[in-house]
Amino acid sequence: MLLQVARTTKPLTNIEVKQAKPKAKEFNLSDGDGLSLKVKPNSSKLWFFNYYRPHSKKRANLSFGSFPEIPLAQARSKRLDARGF
């Protein structure tokens, strides 16, 4: 019998966020629990929270702003507020 183990995401560090370099295509760095940093080719970094809408059960994104205006700790705090904790 094959046992499946849930994948866990290693939380980002401040250094990883600061040193994230743009690539030819945009990419995401995941912090876990729906929070991710989108790094765009023009070197902008945007915080996004991906969640399910409670009534329609559809996926949605909520933007928290850009890095460094919104640091990692503040983005995590906004994620908790958005989750309702």
PDB file of N, CA and C in Angstrom:
ATOM      1  N   MET A   1       0.845  -1.167   0.000  1.00  0.00           N
ATOM      2  CA  MET A   1       0.000   0.000   0.000  1.00  0.00           C
ATOM      3  C   MET A   1       0.898   1.241   0.000  1.00  0.00           C
ATOM      4  N   LEU A   2       0.567   2.201  -0.836  1.00  0.00           N
ATOM      5  CA  LEU A   2       1.351   3.430  -0.967  1.00  0.00           C
ATOM      6  C   LEU A   2       0.775   4.491  -0.048  1.00  0.00           C
ATOM      7  N   LEU A   3       1.609   5.043   0.796  1.00  0.00           N
ATOM      8  CA  LEU A   3       1.182   6.069   1.737  1.00  0.00           C
ATOM      9  C   LEU A   3       1.538   7.438   1.183  1.00  0.00           C
ATOM     10  N   GLN A   4       0.551   8.309   1.069  1.00  0.00           N
ATOM     11  CA  GLN A   4       0.806   9.658   0.566  1.00  0.00           C
ATOM     12  C   GLN A   4       1.011  10.603   1.733  1.00  0.00           C
ATOM     13  N   VAL A   5       2.021  11.447   1.612  1.00  0.00           N
ATOM     14  CA  VAL A   5       2.345  12.412   2.643  1.00  0.00           C
ATOM     15  C   VAL A   5       2.080  13.804   2.080  1.00  0.00           C
ATOM     16  N   ALA A   6       1.418  14.631   2.861  1.00  0.00           N
ATOM     17  CA  ALA A   6       1.129  15.995   2.415  1.00  0.00           C
ATOM     18  C   ALA A   6       2.422  16.783   2.303  1.00  0.00           C
ATOM     19  N   ARG A   7       2.511  17.597   1.248  1.00  0.00           N
ATOM     20  CA  ARG A   7       3.700  18.425   1.073  1.00  0.00           C
ATOM     21  C   ARG A   7       3.584  19.657   1.955  1.00  0.00           C
ATOM     22  N   THR A   8       4.681  19.994   2.576  1.00  0.00           N
ATOM     23  CA  THR A   8       4.712  21.211   3.374  1.00  0.00           C
ATOM     24  C   THR A   8       5.625  22.210   2.690  1.00  0.00           C
ATOM     25  N   THR A   9       5.251  23.468   2.761  1.00  0.00           N
ATOM     26  CA  THR A   9       6.029  24.524   2.147  1.00  0.00           C
ATOM     27  C   THR A   9       6.899  25.178   3.200  1.00  0.00           C
ATOM     28  N   LYS A  10       8.171  25.321   2.890  1.00  0.00           N
ATOM     29  CA  LYS A  10       9.099  25.983   3.797  1.00  0.00           C
ATOM     30  C   LYS A  10       8.830  27.484   3.727  1.00  0.00           C
ATOM     31  N   PRO A  11       8.569  28.119   4.855  1.00  0.00           N
ATOM     32  CA  PRO A  11       8.296  29.565   4.839  1.00  0.00           C
ATOM     33  C   PRO A  11       9.491  30.348   4.291  1.00  0.00           C
ATOM     34  N   LEU A  12       9.180  31.440   3.623  1.00  0.00           N
ATOM     35  CA  LEU A  12      10.221  32.308   3.077  1.00  0.00           C
ATOM     36  C   LEU A  12      10.976  33.015   4.191  1.00  0.00           C
ATOM     37  N   THR A  13      12.183  33.435   3.892  1.00  0.00           N
ATOM     38  CA  THR A  13      12.947  34.269   4.808  1.00  0.00           C
ATOM     39  C   THR A  13      13.075  35.655   4.188  1.00  0.00           C
ATOM     40  N   ASN A  14      13.397  36.639   5.010  1.00  0.00           N
ATOM     41  CA  ASN A  14      13.578  37.996   4.502  1.00  0.00           C
ATOM     42  C   ASN A  14      14.674  38.049   3.447  1.00  0.00           C
ATOM     43  N   ILE A  15      15.729  37.277   3.636  1.00  0.00           N
ATOM     44  CA  ILE A  15      16.840  37.274   2.685  1.00  0.00           C
ATOM     45  C   ILE A  15      16.393  36.702   1.340  1.00  0.00           C
ATOM     46  N   GLU A  16      15.616  35.611   1.356  1.00  0.00           N
ATOM     47  CA  GLU A  16      15.125  35.021   0.099  1.00  0.00           C
ATOM     48  C   GLU A  16      14.266  36.018  -0.673  1.00  0.00           C
ATOM     49  N   VAL A  17      13.425  36.763   0.051  1.00  0.00           N
ATOM     50  CA  VAL A  17      12.546  37.732  -0.594  1.00  0.00           C
ATOM     51  C   VAL A  17      13.377  38.866  -1.206  1.00  0.00           C
ATOM     52  N   LYS A  18      14.335  39.390  -0.446  1.00  0.00           N
ATOM     53  CA  LYS A  18      15.172  40.498  -0.938  1.00  0.00           C
ATOM     54  C   LYS A  18      16.026  40.081  -2.126  1.00  0.00           C
ATOM     55  N   GLN A  19      16.542  38.861  -2.113  1.00  0.00           N
ATOM     56  CA  GLN A  19      17.468  38.421  -3.146  1.00  0.00           C
ATOM     57  C   GLN A  19      16.803  37.763  -4.344  1.00  0.00           C
ATOM     58  N   ALA A  20      15.480  37.704  -4.395  1.00  0.00           N
ATOM     59  CA  ALA A  20      14.783  37.097  -5.525  1.00  0.00           C
ATOM     60  C   ALA A  20      15.026  37.953  -6.768  1.00  0.00           C
ATOM     61  N   LYS A  21      15.650  37.349  -7.773  1.00  0.00           N
ATOM     62  CA  LYS A  21      16.005  38.058  -9.005  1.00  0.00           C
ATOM     63  C   LYS A  21      14.977  37.765 -10.090  1.00  0.00           C
ATOM     64  N   PRO A  22      14.644  38.770 -10.912  1.00  0.00           N
ATOM     65  CA  PRO A  22      13.687  38.542 -12.004  1.00  0.00           C
ATOM     66  C   PRO A  22      14.257  37.585 -13.051  1.00  0.00           C
ATOM     67  N   LYS A  23      13.364  36.878 -13.708  1.00  0.00           N
ATOM     68  CA  LYS A  23      13.728  35.956 -14.790  1.00  0.00           C
ATOM     69  C   LYS A  23      12.992  36.390 -16.049  1.00  0.00           C
ATOM     70  N   ALA A  24      13.131  35.640 -17.125  1.00  0.00           N
ATOM     71  CA  ALA A  24      12.471  35.976 -18.390  1.00  0.00           C
ATOM     72  C   ALA A  24      10.944  35.929 -18.243  1.00  0.00           C
ATOM     73  N   LYS A  25      10.454  35.002 -17.414  1.00  0.00           N
ATOM     74  CA  LYS A  25       9.014  34.901 -17.158  1.00  0.00           C
ATOM     75  C   LYS A  25       8.768  35.151 -15.675  1.00  0.00           C
ATOM     76  N   GLU A  26       7.549  35.622 -15.352  1.00  0.00           N
ATOM     77  CA  GLU A  26       7.240  35.827 -13.933  1.00  0.00           C
ATOM     78  C   GLU A  26       7.129  34.482 -13.233  1.00  0.00           C
ATOM     79  N   PHE A  27       7.437  34.485 -11.930  1.00  0.00           N
ATOM     80  CA  PHE A  27       7.357  33.265 -11.143  1.00  0.00           C
ATOM     81  C   PHE A  27       6.924  33.621  -9.727  1.00  0.00           C
ATOM     82  N   ASN A  28       6.478  32.602  -8.985  1.00  0.00           N
ATOM     83  CA  ASN A  28       5.996  32.789  -7.621  1.00  0.00           C
ATOM     84  C   ASN A  28       6.923  32.106  -6.619  1.00  0.00           C
ATOM     85  N   LEU A  29       7.093  32.762  -5.486  1.00  0.00           N
ATOM     86  CA  LEU A  29       7.756  32.165  -4.333  1.00  0.00           C
ATOM     87  C   LEU A  29       6.680  31.982  -3.271  1.00  0.00           C
ATOM     88  N   SER A  30       6.445  30.756  -2.862  1.00  0.00           N
ATOM     89  CA  SER A  30       5.366  30.477  -1.925  1.00  0.00           C
ATOM     90  C   SER A  30       5.863  30.525  -0.484  1.00  0.00           C
ATOM     91  N   ASP A  31       5.059  31.176   0.382  1.00  0.00           N
ATOM     92  CA  ASP A  31       5.360  31.240   1.810  1.00  0.00           C
ATOM     93  C   ASP A  31       4.520  30.230   2.588  1.00  0.00           C
ATOM     94  N   GLY A  32       3.498  29.676   1.956  1.00  0.00           N
ATOM     95  CA  GLY A  32       2.606  28.727   2.611  1.00  0.00           C
ATOM     96  C   GLY A  32       1.282  29.365   2.985  1.00  0.00           C
ATOM     97  N   ASP A  33       0.272  28.548   3.179  1.00  0.00           N
ATOM     98  CA  ASP A  33      -1.082  28.988   3.547  1.00  0.00           C
ATOM     99  C   ASP A  33      -1.656  30.021   2.577  1.00  0.00           C
ATOM    100  N   GLY A  34      -1.301  29.903   1.300  1.00  0.00           N
ATOM    101  CA  GLY A  34      -1.891  30.763   0.280  1.00  0.00           C
ATOM    102  C   GLY A  34      -1.134  32.040  -0.018  1.00  0.00           C
ATOM    103  N   LEU A  35      -0.129  32.389   0.765  1.00  0.00           N
ATOM    104  CA  LEU A  35       0.627  33.626   0.544  1.00  0.00           C
ATOM    105  C   LEU A  35       1.789  33.350  -0.402  1.00  0.00           C
ATOM    106  N   SER A  36       1.921  34.190  -1.434  1.00  0.00           N
ATOM    107  CA  SER A  36       3.051  34.041  -2.345  1.00  0.00           C
ATOM    108  C   SER A  36       3.518  35.399  -2.835  1.00  0.00           C
ATOM    109  N   LEU A  37       4.769  35.435  -3.244  1.00  0.00           N
ATOM    110  CA  LEU A  37       5.395  36.629  -3.793  1.00  0.00           C
ATOM    111  C   LEU A  37       5.571  36.403  -5.281  1.00  0.00           C
ATOM    112  N   LYS A  38       4.949  37.243  -6.104  1.00  0.00           N
ATOM    113  CA  LYS A  38       5.069  37.139  -7.550  1.00  0.00           C
ATOM    114  C   LYS A  38       6.206  38.056  -7.994  1.00  0.00           C
ATOM    115  N   VAL A  39       7.236  37.483  -8.615  1.00  0.00           N
ATOM    116  CA  VAL A  39       8.384  38.244  -9.103  1.00  0.00           C
ATOM    117  C   VAL A  39       8.229  38.380 -10.614  1.00  0.00           C
ATOM    118  N   LYS A  40       8.141  39.622 -11.086  1.00  0.00           N
ATOM    119  CA  LYS A  40       7.898  39.889 -12.505  1.00  0.00           C
ATOM    120  C   LYS A  40       9.207  40.208 -13.222  1.00  0.00           C
ATOM    121  N   PRO A  41       9.240  40.054 -14.552  1.00  0.00           N
ATOM    122  CA  PRO A  41      10.461  40.333 -15.321  1.00  0.00           C
ATOM    123  C   PRO A  41      10.967  41.774 -15.191  1.00  0.00           C
ATOM    124  N   ASN A  42      10.084  42.711 -14.893  1.00  0.00           N
ATOM    125  CA  ASN A  42      10.517  44.103 -14.730  1.00  0.00           C
ATOM    126  C   ASN A  42      11.036  44.361 -13.316  1.00  0.00           C
ATOM    127  N   SER A  43      11.269  43.312 -12.554  1.00  0.00           N
ATOM    128  CA  SER A  43      11.823  43.283 -11.195  1.00  0.00           C
ATOM    129  C   SER A  43      10.865  43.762 -10.107  1.00  0.00           C
ATOM    130  N   SER A  44       9.584  43.924 -10.413  1.00  0.00           N
ATOM    131  CA  SER A  44       8.629  44.248  -9.350  1.00  0.00           C
ATOM    132  C   SER A  44       8.254  42.961  -8.610  1.00  0.00           C
ATOM    133  N   LYS A  45       7.976  43.100  -7.313  1.00  0.00           N
ATOM    134  CA  LYS A  45       7.623  41.965  -6.459  1.00  0.00           C
ATOM    135  C   LYS A  45       6.303  42.292  -5.777  1.00  0.00           C
ATOM    136  N   LEU A  46       5.302  41.437  -5.992  1.00  0.00           N
ATOM    137  CA  LEU A  46       3.951  41.683  -5.483  1.00  0.00           C
ATOM    138  C   LEU A  46       3.502  40.534  -4.595  1.00  0.00           C
ATOM    139  N   TRP A  47       2.870  40.891  -3.465  1.00  0.00           N
ATOM    140  CA  TRP A  47       2.319  39.886  -2.544  1.00  0.00           C
ATOM    141  C   TRP A  47       0.908  39.520  -2.982  1.00  0.00           C
ATOM    142  N   PHE A  48       0.612  38.209  -3.038  1.00  0.00           N
ATOM    143  CA  PHE A  48      -0.720  37.719  -3.365  1.00  0.00           C
ATOM    144  C   PHE A  48      -1.148  36.665  -2.361  1.00  0.00           C
ATOM    145  N   PHE A  49      -2.442  36.657  -2.075  1.00  0.00           N
ATOM    146  CA  PHE A  49      -3.034  35.645  -1.207  1.00  0.00           C
ATOM    147  C   PHE A  49      -4.055  34.889  -2.040  1.00  0.00           C
ATOM    148  N   ASN A  50      -3.851  33.579  -2.223  1.00  0.00           N
ATOM    149  CA  ASN A  50      -4.738  32.744  -3.018  1.00  0.00           C
ATOM    150  C   ASN A  50      -5.633  31.969  -2.057  1.00  0.00           C
ATOM    151  N   TYR A  51      -6.943  32.058  -2.245  1.00  0.00           N
ATOM    152  CA  TYR A  51      -7.885  31.430  -1.318  1.00  0.00           C
ATOM    153  C   TYR A  51      -9.139  30.968  -2.055  1.00  0.00           C
ATOM    154  N   TYR A  52      -9.959  30.181  -1.358  1.00  0.00           N
ATOM    155  CA  TYR A  52     -11.261  29.767  -1.880  1.00  0.00           C
ATOM    156  C   TYR A  52     -12.321  30.716  -1.348  1.00  0.00           C
ATOM    157  N   ARG A  53     -13.226  31.166  -2.230  1.00  0.00           N
ATOM    158  CA  ARG A  53     -14.350  31.990  -1.776  1.00  0.00           C
ATOM    159  C   ARG A  53     -15.291  31.085  -0.983  1.00  0.00           C
ATOM    160  N   PRO A  54     -15.762  31.550   0.181  1.00  0.00           N
ATOM    161  CA  PRO A  54     -16.545  30.666   1.058  1.00  0.00           C
ATOM    162  C   PRO A  54     -17.849  30.138   0.445  1.00  0.00           C
ATOM    163  N   HIS A  55     -18.548  30.955  -0.330  1.00  0.00           N
ATOM    164  CA  HIS A  55     -19.871  30.535  -0.821  1.00  0.00           C
ATOM    165  C   HIS A  55     -19.796  29.842  -2.170  1.00  0.00           C
ATOM    166  N   SER A  56     -18.996  30.374  -3.087  1.00  0.00           N
ATOM    167  CA  SER A  56     -18.947  29.804  -4.429  1.00  0.00           C
ATOM    168  C   SER A  56     -17.876  28.707  -4.562  1.00  0.00           C
ATOM    169  N   LYS A  57     -16.972  28.589  -3.578  1.00  0.00           N
ATOM    170  CA  LYS A  57     -15.891  27.606  -3.579  1.00  0.00           C
ATOM    171  C   LYS A  57     -14.939  27.789  -4.769  1.00  0.00           C
ATOM    172  N   LYS A  58     -14.885  28.983  -5.349  1.00  0.00           N
ATOM    173  CA  LYS A  58     -13.973  29.269  -6.460  1.00  0.00           C
ATOM    174  C   LYS A  58     -12.704  29.906  -5.925  1.00  0.00           C
ATOM    175  N   ARG A  59     -11.607  29.687  -6.648  1.00  0.00           N
ATOM    176  CA  ARG A  59     -10.323  30.271  -6.273  1.00  0.00           C
ATOM    177  C   ARG A  59     -10.327  31.761  -6.583  1.00  0.00           C
ATOM    178  N   ALA A  60      -9.651  32.532  -5.725  1.00  0.00           N
ATOM    179  CA  ALA A  60      -9.540  33.973  -5.936  1.00  0.00           C
ATOM    180  C   ALA A  60      -8.189  34.439  -5.395  1.00  0.00           C
ATOM    181  N   ASN A  61      -7.700  35.551  -5.928  1.00  0.00           N
ATOM    182  CA  ASN A  61      -6.449  36.149  -5.462  1.00  0.00           C
ATOM    183  C   ASN A  61      -6.743  37.502  -4.846  1.00  0.00           C
ATOM    184  N   LEU A  62      -6.050  37.794  -3.774  1.00  0.00           N
ATOM    185  CA  LEU A  62      -6.153  39.079  -3.101  1.00  0.00           C
ATOM    186  C   LEU A  62      -4.746  39.657  -3.056  1.00  0.00           C
ATOM    187  N   SER A  63      -4.572  40.881  -3.567  1.00  0.00           N
ATOM    188  CA  SER A  63      -3.261  41.506  -3.589  1.00  0.00           C
ATOM    189  C   SER A  63      -3.054  42.300  -2.303  1.00  0.00           C
ATOM    190  N   PHE A  64      -1.862  42.165  -1.714  1.00  0.00           N
ATOM    191  CA  PHE A  64      -1.535  42.889  -0.487  1.00  0.00           C
ATOM    192  C   PHE A  64      -0.612  44.065  -0.739  1.00  0.00           C
ATOM    193  N   GLY A  65      -0.108  44.233  -1.943  1.00  0.00           N
ATOM    194  CA  GLY A  65       0.803  45.325  -2.259  1.00  0.00           C
ATOM    195  C   GLY A  65       2.145  44.798  -2.709  1.00  0.00           C
ATOM    196  N   SER A  66       3.103  45.703  -2.848  1.00  0.00           N
ATOM    197  CA  SER A  66       4.401  45.320  -3.389  1.00  0.00           C
ATOM    198  C   SER A  66       5.476  45.322  -2.307  1.00  0.00           C
ATOM    199  N   PHE A  67       6.506  44.542  -2.563  1.00  0.00           N
ATOM    200  CA  PHE A  67       7.687  44.522  -1.711  1.00  0.00           C
ATOM    201  C   PHE A  67       8.641  45.571  -2.263  1.00  0.00           C
ATOM    202  N   PRO A  68       9.273  46.405  -1.518  1.00  0.00           N
ATOM    203  CA  PRO A  68       9.503  46.421  -0.086  1.00  0.00           C
ATOM    204  C   PRO A  68       8.519  47.278   0.709  1.00  0.00           C
ATOM    205  N   GLU A  69       7.528  47.901   0.050  1.00  0.00           N
ATOM    206  CA  GLU A  69       6.550  48.702   0.800  1.00  0.00           C
ATOM    207  C   GLU A  69       5.823  47.853   1.829  1.00  0.00           C
ATOM    208  N   ILE A  70       5.521  46.613   1.477  1.00  0.00           N
ATOM    209  CA  ILE A  70       4.900  45.658   2.393  1.00  0.00           C
ATOM    210  C   ILE A  70       5.951  44.581   2.687  1.00  0.00           C
ATOM    211  N   PRO A  71       6.572  44.600   3.862  1.00  0.00           N
ATOM    212  CA  PRO A  71       7.580  43.574   4.179  1.00  0.00           C
ATOM    213  C   PRO A  71       6.929  42.215   4.453  1.00  0.00           C
ATOM    214  N   LEU A  72       7.745  41.196   4.565  1.00  0.00           N
ATOM    215  CA  LEU A  72       7.277  39.824   4.764  1.00  0.00           C
ATOM    216  C   LEU A  72       6.385  39.693   5.991  1.00  0.00           C
ATOM    217  N   ALA A  73       6.797  40.269   7.111  1.00  0.00           N
ATOM    218  CA  ALA A  73       6.015  40.144   8.351  1.00  0.00           C
ATOM    219  C   ALA A  73       4.630  40.784   8.196  1.00  0.00           C
ATOM    220  N   GLN A  74       4.556  41.912   7.518  1.00  0.00           N
ATOM    221  CA  GLN A  74       3.269  42.584   7.332  1.00  0.00           C
ATOM    222  C   GLN A  74       2.382  41.793   6.371  1.00  0.00           C
ATOM    223  N   ALA A  75       2.966  41.181   5.348  1.00  0.00           N
ATOM    224  CA  ALA A  75       2.195  40.350   4.417  1.00  0.00           C
ATOM    225  C   ALA A  75       1.612  39.150   5.150  1.00  0.00           C
ATOM    226  N   ARG A  76       2.385  38.547   6.052  1.00  0.00           N
ATOM    227  CA  ARG A  76       1.871  37.415   6.844  1.00  0.00           C
ATOM    228  C   ARG A  76       0.739  37.865   7.760  1.00  0.00           C
ATOM    229  N   SER A  77       0.859  39.051   8.323  1.00  0.00           N
ATOM    230  CA  SER A  77      -0.198  39.587   9.175  1.00  0.00           C
ATOM    231  C   SER A  77      -1.468  39.825   8.367  1.00  0.00           C
ATOM    232  N   LYS A  78      -1.330  40.350   7.154  1.00  0.00           N
ATOM    233  CA  LYS A  78      -2.494  40.584   6.288  1.00  0.00           C
ATOM    234  C   LYS A  78      -3.145  39.261   5.890  1.00  0.00           C
ATOM    235  N   ARG A  79      -2.318  38.211   5.701  1.00  0.00           N
ATOM    236  CA  ARG A  79      -2.867  36.886   5.376  1.00  0.00           C
ATOM    237  C   ARG A  79      -3.741  36.384   6.521  1.00  0.00           C
ATOM    238  N   LEU A  80      -3.269  36.554   7.750  1.00  0.00           N
ATOM    239  CA  LEU A  80      -4.066  36.128   8.905  1.00  0.00           C
ATOM    240  C   LEU A  80      -5.361  36.925   9.011  1.00  0.00           C
ATOM    241  N   ASP A  81      -5.300  38.233   8.762  1.00  0.00           N
ATOM    242  CA  ASP A  81      -6.500  39.064   8.779  1.00  0.00           C
ATOM    243  C   ASP A  81      -7.494  38.606   7.719  1.00  0.00           C
ATOM    244  N   ALA A  82      -6.984  38.297   6.518  1.00  0.00           N
ATOM    245  CA  ALA A  82      -7.865  37.865   5.415  1.00  0.00           C
ATOM    246  C   ALA A  82      -8.500  36.498   5.715  1.00  0.00           C
ATOM    247  N   ARG A  83      -7.788  35.658   6.413  1.00  0.00           N
ATOM    248  CA  ARG A  83      -8.338  34.336   6.778  1.00  0.00           C
ATOM    249  C   ARG A  83      -9.356  34.450   7.912  1.00  0.00           C
ATOM    250  N   GLY A  84      -9.335  35.568   8.625  1.00  0.00           N
ATOM    251  CA  GLY A  84     -10.299  35.771   9.706  1.00  0.00           C
ATOM    252  C   GLY A  84      -9.835  35.265  11.054  1.00  0.00           C
ATOM    253  N   PHE A  85      -8.524  35.137  11.260  1.00  0.00           N
ATOM    254  CA  PHE A  85      -7.989  34.663  12.543  1.00  0.00           C
ATOM    255  C   PHE A  85      -7.712  35.819  13.456  1.00  0.00           C
TER     256      PHE A  85
END
